Amino acid sequence: MRTLFVLGLTVTAIGSSEQPSLLDNRVVTTRVSDQSSLDPCHLITVVEQLVRPLQFGVGFENTTNCPPGWAPAPRVPMVEFPGSIRSSLDGVARARPEYAWRDLNGVVVFRPAASWAARGGWLDRHVAAFSVHSVSLHDALGALVKSMSVSASERQHVGESGALVSWEFTGGTLLEALNALVKPYGAVWNLGYWRSSGEALLVVRGFPQNDVGEMITLRP
């Protein structure tokens, strides 16, 4: 299956009297595959390659047609994809209209388009205020689960272990809580679903600036 993969990204700012968003910086070299062959279950790889060099956080909610979890997309033949990073992200969303994206204060979040207007999903669940300081990702996610009043299982490391994180959250939705976690580190969260059980698989990784991470199953 062919999919889109970004390689060799360099950027330079567009001249302006105002400070532009980093997403509006000009992409000097971006090579990707044919947009018509995008695999919706691997779009997170594309988004990461575009955004993470800017130290932006990334959030990605899978459609229910994609298996939960994360795996890098395969490398495929490349073509040029010029423009700003914002326009590149817009192009990805146009190629896969079942997804829509927003810049939420320094975190680029892709979700199924219908989920932005819907209510009652996992990312809309309430999370009570909590804070942890210089703890493992395992313990940080434990604090999240406790603040959500849900059960969790099958925690495991992604990549190396040993990263310590701090996480302060004043209360709100799970979407807001996850963005608060990844933004300071330019890290990534990914949420996918098992349709038969209603469970969700949460992957957080990229702490700090590598693939240290943690994977956890959330149960209603």
Protein backbone atom coordinates (compact mmCIF):
# COMPACT_ATOMS: atom_id res chain seq x y z
CA MET A 1 0.00 0.00 0.00
CA ARG A 2 1.36 3.40 -0.93
CA THR A 3 1.34 6.22 1.53
CA LEU A 4 2.75 9.68 1.96
CA PHE A 5 6.12 10.21 3.67
CA VAL A 6 7.96 13.50 4.14
CA LEU A 7 11.73 13.70 3.78
CA GLY A 8 14.35 16.42 4.06
CA LEU A 9 12.25 19.25 5.47
CA THR A 10 13.89 22.67 5.74
CA VAL A 11 12.08 25.96 6.28
CA THR A 12 12.71 29.65 6.02
CA ALA A 13 10.46 32.41 7.30
CA ILE A 14 8.35 34.49 4.95
CA GLY A 15 9.24 38.14 5.18
CA SER A 16 6.67 40.16 7.11
CA SER A 17 6.44 43.11 9.46
CA GLU A 18 4.61 40.83 11.89
CA GLN A 19 5.95 37.69 13.49
CA PRO A 20 4.41 34.85 11.45
CA SER A 21 3.29 31.54 12.85
CA LEU A 22 5.92 28.88 12.38
CA LEU A 23 3.31 26.95 10.41
CA ASP A 24 3.37 29.75 7.82
CA ASN A 25 7.10 29.43 7.28
CA ARG A 26 8.09 28.52 3.77
CA VAL A 27 8.94 24.87 3.09
CA VAL A 28 12.13 24.88 1.05
CA THR A 29 12.42 21.13 0.47
CA THR A 30 9.59 18.73 1.12
CA ARG A 31 9.32 15.48 -0.80
CA VAL A 32 6.26 13.29 -0.49
CA SER A 33 4.47 10.56 -2.39
CA ASP A 34 1.52 10.97 -4.71
CA GLN A 35 -1.26 12.57 -2.65
CA SER A 36 -3.90 10.44 -4.36
CA SER A 37 -2.50 7.32 -2.69
CA LEU A 38 -2.55 8.53 0.92
CA ASP A 39 -3.23 5.85 3.49
CA PRO A 40 -5.54 7.34 6.16
CA CYS A 41 -4.11 5.01 8.79
CA HIS A 42 -0.59 6.41 8.32
CA LEU A 43 -1.32 10.15 8.12
CA ILE A 44 0.22 10.67 11.55
CA THR A 45 3.64 9.93 10.04
CA VAL A 46 3.19 12.72 7.53
CA VAL A 47 1.99 15.22 10.12
CA GLU A 48 4.89 14.45 12.43
CA GLN A 49 7.48 14.90 9.70
CA LEU A 50 6.02 18.28 8.79
CA VAL A 51 5.41 19.65 12.27
CA ARG A 52 7.83 18.24 14.81
CA PRO A 53 10.95 19.99 13.41
CA LEU A 54 9.22 23.21 14.55
CA GLN A 55 8.92 21.84 18.11
CA PHE A 56 5.12 21.78 17.78
CA GLY A 57 3.20 19.09 19.59
CA VAL A 58 1.13 16.67 17.52
CA GLY A 59 -2.23 15.08 18.34
CA PHE A 60 -3.88 12.48 16.14
CA GLU A 61 -7.19 10.68 16.58
CA ASN A 62 -7.66 7.66 14.35
CA THR A 63 -10.84 6.95 12.47
CA THR A 64 -12.61 3.82 13.66
CA ASN A 65 -11.63 2.16 10.36
CA CYS A 66 -7.96 2.26 11.33
CA PRO A 67 -6.45 -0.13 13.87
CA PRO A 68 -5.37 1.47 17.14
CA GLY A 69 -1.70 1.94 17.84
CA TRP A 70 1.12 3.47 15.88
CA ALA A 71 3.60 2.21 13.32
CA PRO A 72 5.75 4.29 10.94
CA ALA A 73 4.59 4.42 7.36
CA PRO A 74 6.70 2.61 4.76
CA ARG A 75 9.04 4.64 2.58
CA VAL A 76 7.77 5.15 -0.94
CA PRO A 77 8.80 7.10 -4.08
CA MET A 78 8.88 10.85 -3.50
CA VAL A 79 7.54 13.90 -5.34
CA GLU A 80 7.82 17.60 -4.54
CA PHE A 81 5.17 19.19 -2.33
CA PRO A 82 5.97 22.93 -2.18
CA GLY A 83 4.38 25.60 0.00
CA SER A 84 4.16 26.53 3.65
CA ILE A 85 3.76 23.92 6.34
CA ARG A 86 0.21 25.15 6.91
CA SER A 87 -0.63 24.74 3.23
CA SER A 88 1.00 21.29 3.27
CA LEU A 89 -1.21 20.26 6.20
CA ASP A 90 -4.22 21.69 4.35
CA GLY A 91 -3.23 19.60 1.35
CA VAL A 92 -3.09 16.46 3.45
CA ALA A 93 -6.58 17.18 4.80
CA ARG A 94 -7.93 17.86 1.30
CA ALA A 95 -6.52 14.55 0.10
CA ARG A 96 -8.17 12.74 3.01
CA PRO A 97 -11.37 14.73 3.70
CA GLU A 98 -12.45 12.32 6.42
CA TYR A 99 -9.86 14.19 8.54
CA ALA A 100 -9.71 17.85 9.58
CA TRP A 101 -7.00 19.64 11.53
CA ARG A 102 -6.58 22.63 13.83
CA ASP A 103 -3.70 24.47 15.45
CA LEU A 104 -4.64 24.42 19.13
CA ASN A 105 -2.15 26.86 20.67
CA GLY A 106 0.97 25.14 19.45
CA VAL A 107 -0.35 21.60 19.04
CA VAL A 108 -1.37 20.46 15.56
CA VAL A 109 -4.35 18.13 16.01
CA PHE A 110 -5.81 15.90 13.29
CA ARG A 111 -9.15 14.27 14.03
CA PRO A 112 -11.92 12.63 12.01
CA ALA A 113 -13.78 15.60 10.56
CA ALA A 114 -17.08 14.67 12.19
CA SER A 115 -15.45 14.42 15.63
CA TRP A 116 -14.78 18.16 15.85
CA ALA A 117 -18.53 18.88 16.02
CA ALA A 118 -19.61 15.73 17.83
CA ARG A 119 -19.76 15.40 21.61
CA GLY A 120 -19.47 12.45 23.93
CA GLY A 121 -16.34 10.81 22.53
CA TRP A 122 -13.24 9.87 24.47
CA LEU A 123 -11.52 13.20 23.80
CA ASP A 124 -14.54 15.07 25.20
CA ARG A 125 -14.41 13.25 28.53
CA HIS A 126 -13.85 15.37 31.60
CA VAL A 127 -10.47 15.31 33.33
CA ALA A 128 -10.17 16.81 36.80
CA ALA A 129 -7.26 19.10 37.64
CA PHE A 130 -3.99 17.40 38.55
CA SER A 131 -0.25 18.00 38.45
CA VAL A 132 2.84 15.79 38.46
CA HIS A 133 6.47 16.85 38.45
CA SER A 134 9.53 14.96 37.21
CA VAL A 135 7.81 11.58 37.06
CA SER A 136 7.91 8.74 34.56
CA LEU A 137 5.41 8.65 31.73
CA HIS A 138 3.95 5.57 33.37
CA ASP A 139 3.19 7.53 36.55
CA ALA A 140 2.01 10.58 34.59
CA LEU A 141 -0.56 8.50 32.72
CA GLY A 142 -1.58 6.93 36.00
CA ALA A 143 -2.41 10.40 37.29
CA LEU A 144 -4.45 11.06 34.15
CA VAL A 145 -6.44 7.86 34.53
CA LYS A 146 -7.16 8.64 38.18
CA SER A 147 -8.37 12.12 37.23
CA MET A 148 -10.74 10.66 34.60
CA SER A 149 -12.32 8.00 36.83
CA VAL A 150 -11.80 5.30 34.22
CA SER A 151 -9.89 2.03 34.29
CA ALA A 152 -6.78 1.27 32.31
CA SER A 153 -4.64 -1.73 31.46
CA GLU A 154 -1.84 -3.02 29.27
CA ARG A 155 0.58 -0.19 29.83
CA GLN A 156 3.88 -0.67 28.07
CA HIS A 157 6.86 1.39 27.00
CA VAL A 158 7.33 2.65 23.46
CA GLY A 159 11.02 2.82 22.60
CA GLU A 160 13.45 3.68 25.38
CA SER A 161 12.44 4.22 28.97
CA GLY A 162 13.55 6.63 31.67
CA ALA A 163 12.17 9.95 30.46
CA LEU A 164 10.82 12.18 33.23
CA VAL A 165 8.00 14.63 32.55
CA SER A 166 6.03 17.30 34.35
CA TRP A 167 2.36 17.82 33.61
CA GLU A 168 0.08 20.47 35.04
CA PHE A 169 -3.59 20.54 34.08
CA THR A 170 -6.26 22.82 35.49
CA GLY A 171 -9.19 20.67 34.41
CA GLY A 172 -11.13 20.26 31.16
CA THR A 173 -11.40 17.66 28.42
CA LEU A 174 -9.07 14.79 27.62
CA LEU A 175 -8.16 16.61 24.40
CA GLU A 176 -7.03 19.63 26.40
CA ALA A 177 -5.16 17.47 28.90
CA LEU A 178 -3.20 15.61 26.23
CA ASN A 179 -2.31 18.85 24.47
CA ALA A 180 -1.02 20.22 27.79
CA LEU A 181 1.24 17.17 28.07
CA VAL A 182 2.79 17.17 24.61
CA LYS A 183 3.10 20.89 23.93
CA PRO A 184 6.14 21.66 26.16
CA TYR A 185 8.07 18.73 24.69
CA GLY A 186 7.05 18.90 21.04
CA ALA A 187 5.80 15.36 21.58
CA VAL A 188 2.94 13.28 20.18
CA TRP A 189 -0.32 11.74 21.34
CA ASN A 190 -2.31 9.25 19.29
CA LEU A 191 -5.73 7.86 20.18
CA GLY A 192 -7.29 4.87 18.43
CA TYR A 193 -10.28 2.63 19.07
CA TRP A 194 -11.51 -0.92 19.25
CA ARG A 195 -15.03 -0.60 17.92
CA SER A 196 -16.26 -3.86 19.42
CA SER A 197 -15.41 -2.98 23.03
CA GLY A 198 -15.53 0.82 23.17
CA GLU A 199 -11.98 0.84 24.53
CA ALA A 200 -9.35 3.31 23.39
CA LEU A 201 -5.61 2.89 22.98
CA LEU A 202 -3.61 5.98 23.92
CA VAL A 203 0.00 6.31 22.78
CA VAL A 204 2.17 9.21 23.96
CA ARG A 205 5.75 9.42 22.73
CA GLY A 206 8.58 11.69 21.73
CA PHE A 207 9.88 12.53 25.23
CA PRO A 208 12.24 14.29 25.07
CA GLN A 209 12.64 14.68 21.31
CA ASN A 210 12.98 10.97 20.63
CA ASP A 211 10.73 7.94 20.74
CA VAL A 212 10.50 7.49 24.49
CA GLY A 213 6.83 6.87 25.13
CA GLU A 214 4.07 4.88 26.78
CA MET A 215 1.02 3.01 25.54
CA ILE A 216 -2.12 2.48 27.61
CA THR A 217 -5.59 1.02 27.06
CA LEU A 218 -8.47 3.13 28.41
CA ARG A 219 -11.70 1.40 29.39
CA PRO A 220 -15.10 3.08 29.94
